[in-house]
Amino acid sequence: MEFKNWAKCAGVRAIKTIAQTAIATIGTSAVMGDVNWIAVGSASLLAGILSLLTSVAGLPEVEK
């Protein structure tokens, strides 16, 4: 049960990180005049993976 709670919290955090990275990358690209969707996707995916790896160290939402 504890792993399930951790996975849910880590997943929510990773999805938020992915969305934030995508928004920032799209915004930066739009200012430059051309949105490189491959760059947006790869940066967002990497941010999500890093978020999950960081969550292994601990999540305040899960600690009792």
N, C-alpha and C. Protein backbone atom coordinates (compact mmCIF):
# COMPACT_ATOMS: atom_id res chain seq x y z
N MET A 1 0.82 -1.20 0.00
CA MET A 1 0.00 0.00 0.00
C MET A 1 0.87 1.26 0.00
N GLU A 2 2.01 1.22 0.70
CA GLU A 2 2.87 2.38 0.77
C GLU A 2 3.47 2.72 -0.60
N PHE A 3 3.87 1.67 -1.36
CA PHE A 3 4.42 1.91 -2.69
C PHE A 3 3.36 2.52 -3.60
N LYS A 4 2.13 2.07 -3.48
CA LYS A 4 1.06 2.59 -4.33
C LYS A 4 0.85 4.09 -4.07
N ASN A 5 0.91 4.48 -2.81
CA ASN A 5 0.75 5.90 -2.46
C ASN A 5 1.93 6.71 -2.99
N TRP A 6 3.16 6.16 -2.85
CA TRP A 6 4.34 6.84 -3.36
C TRP A 6 4.25 7.00 -4.87
N ALA A 7 3.87 5.93 -5.57
CA ALA A 7 3.78 5.97 -7.03
C ALA A 7 2.76 7.01 -7.49
N LYS A 8 1.66 7.11 -6.79
CA LYS A 8 0.63 8.09 -7.15
C LYS A 8 1.17 9.51 -6.96
N CYS A 9 1.79 9.77 -5.82
CA CYS A 9 2.33 11.11 -5.55
C CYS A 9 3.47 11.46 -6.51
N ALA A 10 4.36 10.50 -6.76
CA ALA A 10 5.48 10.74 -7.67
C ALA A 10 4.97 10.97 -9.10
N GLY A 11 3.95 10.22 -9.49
CA GLY A 11 3.37 10.39 -10.82
C GLY A 11 2.73 11.75 -11.01
N VAL A 12 2.00 12.20 -10.01
CA VAL A 12 1.36 13.52 -10.09
C VAL A 12 2.43 14.60 -10.18
N ARG A 13 3.49 14.46 -9.37
CA ARG A 13 4.57 15.44 -9.40
C ARG A 13 5.27 15.44 -10.76
N ALA A 14 5.50 14.26 -11.33
CA ALA A 14 6.16 14.16 -12.63
C ALA A 14 5.31 14.77 -13.74
N ILE A 15 4.00 14.53 -13.70
CA ILE A 15 3.11 15.10 -14.72
C ILE A 15 3.10 16.62 -14.64
N LYS A 16 3.10 17.16 -13.44
CA LYS A 16 3.15 18.62 -13.27
C LYS A 16 4.46 19.17 -13.82
N THR A 17 5.55 18.47 -13.56
CA THR A 17 6.86 18.90 -14.05
C THR A 17 6.91 18.86 -15.57
N ILE A 18 6.35 17.81 -16.15
CA ILE A 18 6.31 17.69 -17.61
C ILE A 18 5.52 18.86 -18.21
N ALA A 19 4.37 19.16 -17.62
CA ALA A 19 3.54 20.25 -18.14
C ALA A 19 4.26 21.59 -18.01
N GLN A 20 4.91 21.83 -16.88
CA GLN A 20 5.63 23.09 -16.68
C GLN A 20 6.78 23.23 -17.68
N THR A 21 7.49 22.15 -17.91
CA THR A 21 8.61 22.19 -18.86
C THR A 21 8.10 22.43 -20.27
N ALA A 22 7.01 21.78 -20.64
CA ALA A 22 6.45 21.97 -21.98
C ALA A 22 6.01 23.42 -22.17
N ILE A 23 5.34 23.97 -21.18
CA ILE A 23 4.88 25.37 -21.28
C ILE A 23 6.07 26.31 -21.43
N ALA A 24 7.11 26.10 -20.62
CA ALA A 24 8.28 26.98 -20.69
C ALA A 24 9.00 26.83 -22.04
N THR A 25 9.13 25.60 -22.53
CA THR A 25 9.83 25.37 -23.79
C THR A 25 9.03 25.94 -24.96
N ILE A 26 7.73 25.75 -24.96
CA ILE A 26 6.89 26.30 -26.02
C ILE A 26 6.94 27.82 -26.00
N GLY A 27 6.87 28.39 -24.80
CA GLY A 27 6.92 29.85 -24.68
C GLY A 27 8.22 30.42 -25.19
N THR A 28 9.33 29.80 -24.84
CA THR A 28 10.64 30.25 -25.30
C THR A 28 10.76 30.11 -26.82
N SER A 29 10.30 28.98 -27.33
CA SER A 29 10.37 28.74 -28.78
C SER A 29 9.49 29.71 -29.55
N ALA A 30 8.31 30.02 -29.01
CA ALA A 30 7.39 30.92 -29.69
C ALA A 30 7.99 32.32 -29.81
N VAL A 31 8.70 32.74 -28.77
CA VAL A 31 9.34 34.06 -28.81
C VAL A 31 10.40 34.08 -29.91
N MET A 32 11.08 32.96 -30.09
CA MET A 32 12.12 32.87 -31.12
C MET A 32 11.51 32.67 -32.50
N GLY A 33 10.22 32.39 -32.59
CA GLY A 33 9.53 32.33 -33.87
C GLY A 33 9.27 30.94 -34.41
N ASP A 34 9.80 29.90 -33.78
CA ASP A 34 9.60 28.55 -34.31
C ASP A 34 9.58 27.55 -33.16
N VAL A 35 8.48 26.82 -33.04
CA VAL A 35 8.37 25.81 -31.99
C VAL A 35 8.90 24.49 -32.53
N ASN A 36 9.95 24.00 -31.93
CA ASN A 36 10.52 22.71 -32.29
C ASN A 36 9.88 21.65 -31.39
N TRP A 37 8.88 20.95 -31.93
CA TRP A 37 8.09 20.03 -31.12
C TRP A 37 8.90 18.84 -30.62
N ILE A 38 9.91 18.45 -31.35
CA ILE A 38 10.78 17.36 -30.89
C ILE A 38 11.55 17.82 -29.65
N ALA A 39 12.04 19.04 -29.66
CA ALA A 39 12.76 19.58 -28.51
C ALA A 39 11.83 19.72 -27.31
N VAL A 40 10.60 20.17 -27.56
CA VAL A 40 9.61 20.29 -26.48
C VAL A 40 9.35 18.92 -25.85
N GLY A 41 9.12 17.93 -26.69
CA GLY A 41 8.83 16.59 -26.19
C GLY A 41 9.99 15.97 -25.45
N SER A 42 11.19 16.10 -26.00
CA SER A 42 12.34 15.47 -25.35
C SER A 42 12.70 16.17 -24.05
N ALA A 43 12.62 17.49 -24.00
CA ALA A 43 12.91 18.21 -22.76
C ALA A 43 11.87 17.88 -21.70
N SER A 44 10.62 17.79 -22.10
CA SER A 44 9.55 17.47 -21.15
C SER A 44 9.68 16.05 -20.62
N LEU A 45 9.98 15.11 -21.50
CA LEU A 45 10.17 13.73 -21.07
C LEU A 45 11.35 13.59 -20.11
N LEU A 46 12.45 14.25 -20.43
CA LEU A 46 13.61 14.22 -19.55
C LEU A 46 13.28 14.82 -18.19
N ALA A 47 12.54 15.91 -18.17
CA ALA A 47 12.15 16.53 -16.91
C ALA A 47 11.28 15.58 -16.08
N GLY A 48 10.38 14.85 -16.73
CA GLY A 48 9.55 13.88 -16.03
C GLY A 48 10.36 12.75 -15.43
N ILE A 49 11.33 12.25 -16.20
CA ILE A 49 12.19 11.18 -15.69
C ILE A 49 13.01 11.67 -14.50
N LEU A 50 13.57 12.87 -14.63
CA LEU A 50 14.35 13.43 -13.52
C LEU A 50 13.48 13.65 -12.29
N SER A 51 12.24 14.04 -12.48
CA SER A 51 11.32 14.22 -11.37
C SER A 51 11.08 12.89 -10.65
N LEU A 52 10.86 11.82 -11.41
CA LEU A 52 10.67 10.51 -10.79
C LEU A 52 11.92 10.06 -10.03
N LEU A 53 13.08 10.26 -10.63
CA LEU A 53 14.32 9.87 -9.96
C LEU A 53 14.54 10.68 -8.68
N THR A 54 14.21 11.96 -8.72
CA THR A 54 14.33 12.80 -7.53
C THR A 54 13.35 12.35 -6.44
N SER A 55 12.20 11.88 -6.86
CA SER A 55 11.19 11.42 -5.89
C SER A 55 11.63 10.17 -5.13
N VAL A 56 12.59 9.43 -5.69
CA VAL A 56 13.09 8.25 -4.99
C VAL A 56 13.73 8.65 -3.66
N ALA A 57 14.32 9.84 -3.61
CA ALA A 57 14.94 10.33 -2.38
C ALA A 57 13.91 10.61 -1.29
N GLY A 58 12.67 10.78 -1.67
CA GLY A 58 11.61 11.02 -0.70
C GLY A 58 10.65 12.09 -1.15
N LEU A 59 9.43 11.90 -0.74
CA LEU A 59 8.37 12.86 -1.04
C LEU A 59 7.73 13.33 0.27
N PRO A 60 7.67 14.62 0.51
CA PRO A 60 7.03 15.11 1.73
C PRO A 60 5.57 14.69 1.84
N GLU A 61 4.90 14.52 0.69
CA GLU A 61 3.49 14.14 0.70
C GLU A 61 3.27 12.73 1.26
N VAL A 62 4.29 11.89 1.16
CA VAL A 62 4.14 10.48 1.55
C VAL A 62 4.63 10.24 2.97
N GLU A 63 5.60 11.03 3.43
CA GLU A 63 6.16 10.81 4.76
C GLU A 63 5.10 10.97 5.83
N LYS A 64 5.19 10.10 6.83
CA LYS A 64 4.18 10.12 7.91
C LYS A 64 4.65 10.94 9.08
